[in-house]
Amino acid sequence: MRSDRLPARVGEVLGAVGRRLGLDDAGAAAAVWSRWDAIVGATMAARSAPTSLRRGVLRVVVPSPAWATEIGYLAGDVRRAVNDSLGREVVREVRVYVGKVPERRPAAPRRCDADGSGTAVDDPLEALRRARAAATRRRTPGAGSGRSPRRSC
C-alpha cells in the first residue's frame, strides 16, 4: 500500500483514467497496437488495424466486406494470438467492421552523426571517421566557441 505522502506512479494514474474510459488495461491495448503485424501476420496487418480494446472486446477495422468476412472467420485465431502475445487473457471477443484502415508506417530508426548535423551515415567506418573528426574539432583550441554544437537530432 502506498503512503499518502508519496506521489502516485504514472502507471497507476493512467490505469485509473483508462478504467474510467472503459479501457481495462491501457498497457495491453498499447501492446496490441504495437505488435499487430507480428500478431496477425503481414498480409492481415496490411488490411486491418485494431481500433479499440474495451471490456475484453477488440474492435478491428478492415477496408471491405470481403476482409470483414475473412477476419470474422478467423476471429477465434486472432483472439488466441493476441492473448498469447500478451501472456494472459485480455481479449474475449473480436468484432470486425468495415471502414478506413489507417496507414501504418513503421517507425524510422533515429540516427544521428557525431557532429549533430543530423546527416545519417550507413557505413560504420564513415560514421567513425566523422565522429573522430568532430571530437578533434571540439578539442582543438580556437576551433569555435569552445562549446559543443547543439544537436539537432
Protein backbone atom coordinates (compact mmCIF):
# COMPACT_ATOMS: atom_id res chain seq x y z
CA MET A 1 0.00 0.00 0.00
CA ARG A 2 1.34 3.42 -0.92
CA SER A 3 1.76 6.15 1.62
CA ASP A 4 -0.42 9.23 1.18
CA ARG A 5 2.75 11.30 1.28
CA LEU A 6 4.28 9.68 -1.81
CA PRO A 7 3.27 10.83 -5.28
CA ALA A 8 1.24 8.39 -7.35
CA ARG A 9 3.03 6.47 -10.06
CA VAL A 10 2.18 7.46 -13.60
CA GLY A 11 1.05 3.92 -14.41
CA GLU A 12 -1.40 3.95 -11.52
CA VAL A 13 -2.87 7.29 -12.56
CA LEU A 14 -3.16 6.30 -16.23
CA GLY A 15 -4.63 2.94 -15.28
CA ALA A 16 -7.35 4.64 -13.23
CA VAL A 17 -8.13 7.08 -16.04
CA GLY A 18 -8.19 4.25 -18.56
CA ARG A 19 -10.61 2.22 -16.45
CA ARG A 20 -12.95 5.22 -16.24
CA LEU A 21 -12.86 5.42 -20.04
CA GLY A 22 -13.64 1.72 -20.39
CA LEU A 23 -10.08 0.56 -21.03
CA ASP A 24 -9.42 -2.45 -18.88
CA ASP A 25 -5.69 -2.28 -19.42
CA ALA A 26 -4.16 0.58 -21.42
CA GLY A 27 -0.79 -1.20 -21.44
CA ALA A 28 -2.36 -4.26 -23.07
CA ALA A 29 -4.03 -2.06 -25.71
CA ALA A 30 -0.72 -0.38 -26.47
CA ALA A 31 0.98 -3.76 -26.77
CA VAL A 32 -1.68 -4.99 -29.24
CA TRP A 33 -1.29 -1.86 -31.38
CA SER A 34 2.50 -2.03 -31.41
CA ARG A 35 2.63 -5.80 -32.09
CA TRP A 36 -0.28 -6.03 -34.55
CA ASP A 37 1.92 -7.00 -37.52
CA ALA A 38 3.59 -9.81 -35.56
CA ILE A 39 0.31 -10.99 -34.01
CA VAL A 40 -1.75 -11.35 -37.19
CA GLY A 41 0.93 -11.52 -39.89
CA ALA A 42 1.94 -9.04 -42.57
CA THR A 43 -0.90 -9.80 -45.02
CA MET A 44 -3.70 -9.35 -42.50
CA ALA A 45 -1.98 -6.41 -40.80
CA ALA A 46 -1.74 -4.58 -44.13
CA ARG A 47 -5.53 -4.77 -44.47
CA SER A 48 -6.69 -4.34 -40.88
CA ALA A 49 -6.00 -2.36 -37.74
CA PRO A 50 -7.12 -2.60 -34.13
CA THR A 51 -9.20 0.42 -33.17
CA SER A 52 -10.25 -0.22 -29.58
CA LEU A 53 -9.90 -2.68 -26.75
CA ARG A 54 -12.60 -2.20 -24.14
CA ARG A 55 -14.05 -4.63 -21.65
CA GLY A 56 -12.43 -7.58 -23.41
CA VAL A 57 -13.73 -6.63 -26.89
CA LEU A 58 -11.12 -5.94 -29.55
CA ARG A 59 -12.54 -3.95 -32.47
CA VAL A 60 -10.75 -4.29 -35.81
CA VAL A 61 -11.34 -2.16 -38.90
CA VAL A 62 -10.97 -3.60 -42.42
CA PRO A 63 -11.35 -1.95 -45.86
CA SER A 64 -14.03 -4.19 -47.37
CA PRO A 65 -16.84 -6.64 -46.58
CA ALA A 66 -14.72 -9.45 -48.02
CA TRP A 67 -11.98 -8.77 -45.47
CA ALA A 68 -14.58 -8.43 -42.72
CA THR A 69 -15.85 -11.91 -43.59
CA GLU A 70 -12.33 -13.34 -43.75
CA ILE A 71 -11.23 -11.93 -40.41
CA GLY A 72 -14.62 -12.72 -38.92
CA TYR A 73 -13.98 -16.39 -39.70
CA LEU A 74 -10.53 -16.07 -38.11
CA ALA A 75 -11.72 -14.12 -35.05
CA GLY A 76 -11.02 -17.03 -32.69
CA ASP A 77 -7.49 -17.36 -34.05
CA VAL A 78 -6.93 -13.61 -33.73
CA ARG A 79 -8.21 -13.66 -30.13
CA ARG A 80 -5.90 -16.55 -29.23
CA ALA A 81 -2.91 -14.91 -30.96
CA VAL A 82 -3.46 -11.60 -29.15
CA ASN A 83 -3.84 -13.30 -25.78
CA ASP A 84 -0.77 -15.49 -26.41
CA SER A 85 1.21 -12.37 -27.34
CA LEU A 86 0.17 -10.67 -24.09
CA GLY A 87 0.71 -13.77 -21.99
CA ARG A 88 -2.77 -13.61 -20.47
CA GLU A 89 -6.41 -13.41 -21.49
CA VAL A 90 -7.31 -9.82 -22.27
CA VAL A 91 -9.44 -10.28 -25.41
CA ARG A 92 -12.64 -12.29 -25.05
CA GLU A 93 -14.21 -11.25 -28.36
CA VAL A 94 -13.09 -9.80 -31.70
CA ARG A 95 -15.53 -7.58 -33.61
CA VAL A 96 -14.76 -6.62 -37.19
CA TYR A 97 -16.22 -3.66 -39.07
CA VAL A 98 -15.69 -2.02 -42.45
CA GLY A 99 -14.10 1.41 -42.52
CA LYS A 100 -10.96 3.29 -43.44
CA VAL A 101 -7.88 1.40 -42.30
CA PRO A 102 -5.26 3.87 -41.09
CA GLU A 103 -1.99 3.78 -42.96
CA ARG A 104 0.62 2.03 -40.85
CA ARG A 105 4.17 3.21 -41.22
CA PRO A 106 7.00 1.55 -39.37
CA ALA A 107 8.91 3.96 -37.16
CA ALA A 108 12.13 5.05 -38.82
CA PRO A 109 15.20 4.39 -36.75
CA ARG A 110 16.58 7.58 -35.29
CA ARG A 111 20.17 8.02 -36.39
CA CYS A 112 22.45 10.92 -35.80
CA ASP A 113 26.06 11.55 -36.66
CA ALA A 114 28.62 12.66 -34.10
CA ASP A 115 28.70 16.32 -35.12
CA GLY A 116 24.96 16.73 -34.54
CA SER A 117 24.15 17.70 -38.11
CA GLY A 118 21.51 15.02 -38.40
CA THR A 119 23.04 13.58 -41.55
CA ALA A 120 22.81 9.83 -41.07
CA VAL A 121 25.62 7.62 -42.30
CA ASP A 122 25.02 3.96 -43.20
CA ASP A 123 28.69 2.98 -43.37
CA PRO A 124 30.05 2.37 -39.84
CA LEU A 125 33.62 3.25 -40.86
CA GLU A 126 32.48 6.58 -42.29
CA ALA A 127 30.49 7.25 -39.13
CA LEU A 128 33.58 6.51 -37.01
CA ARG A 129 35.73 8.80 -39.18
CA ARG A 130 33.22 11.62 -38.81
CA ALA A 131 32.94 11.09 -35.06
CA ARG A 132 36.71 11.29 -34.67
CA ALA A 133 36.85 14.45 -36.77
CA ALA A 134 34.10 16.05 -34.69
CA ALA A 135 35.87 15.13 -31.44
CA THR A 136 39.15 16.56 -32.74
CA ARG A 137 37.44 19.82 -33.71
CA ARG A 138 36.00 20.13 -30.21
CA ARG A 139 39.41 19.63 -28.57
CA THR A 140 41.35 21.94 -30.89
CA PRO A 141 41.94 25.40 -29.34
CA GLY A 142 40.41 28.21 -31.34
CA ALA A 143 38.13 25.82 -33.22
CA GLY A 144 34.96 27.66 -32.34
CA SER A 145 33.40 28.96 -29.17
CA GLY A 146 34.57 26.05 -27.02
CA ARG A 147 31.04 24.78 -26.67
CA SER A 148 29.79 21.70 -28.43
CA PRO A 149 27.35 22.43 -31.20
CA ARG A 150 23.73 21.96 -30.29
CA ARG A 151 22.47 18.62 -31.54
CA SER A 152 19.58 18.74 -33.91
CA CYS A 153 18.77 15.08 -33.55
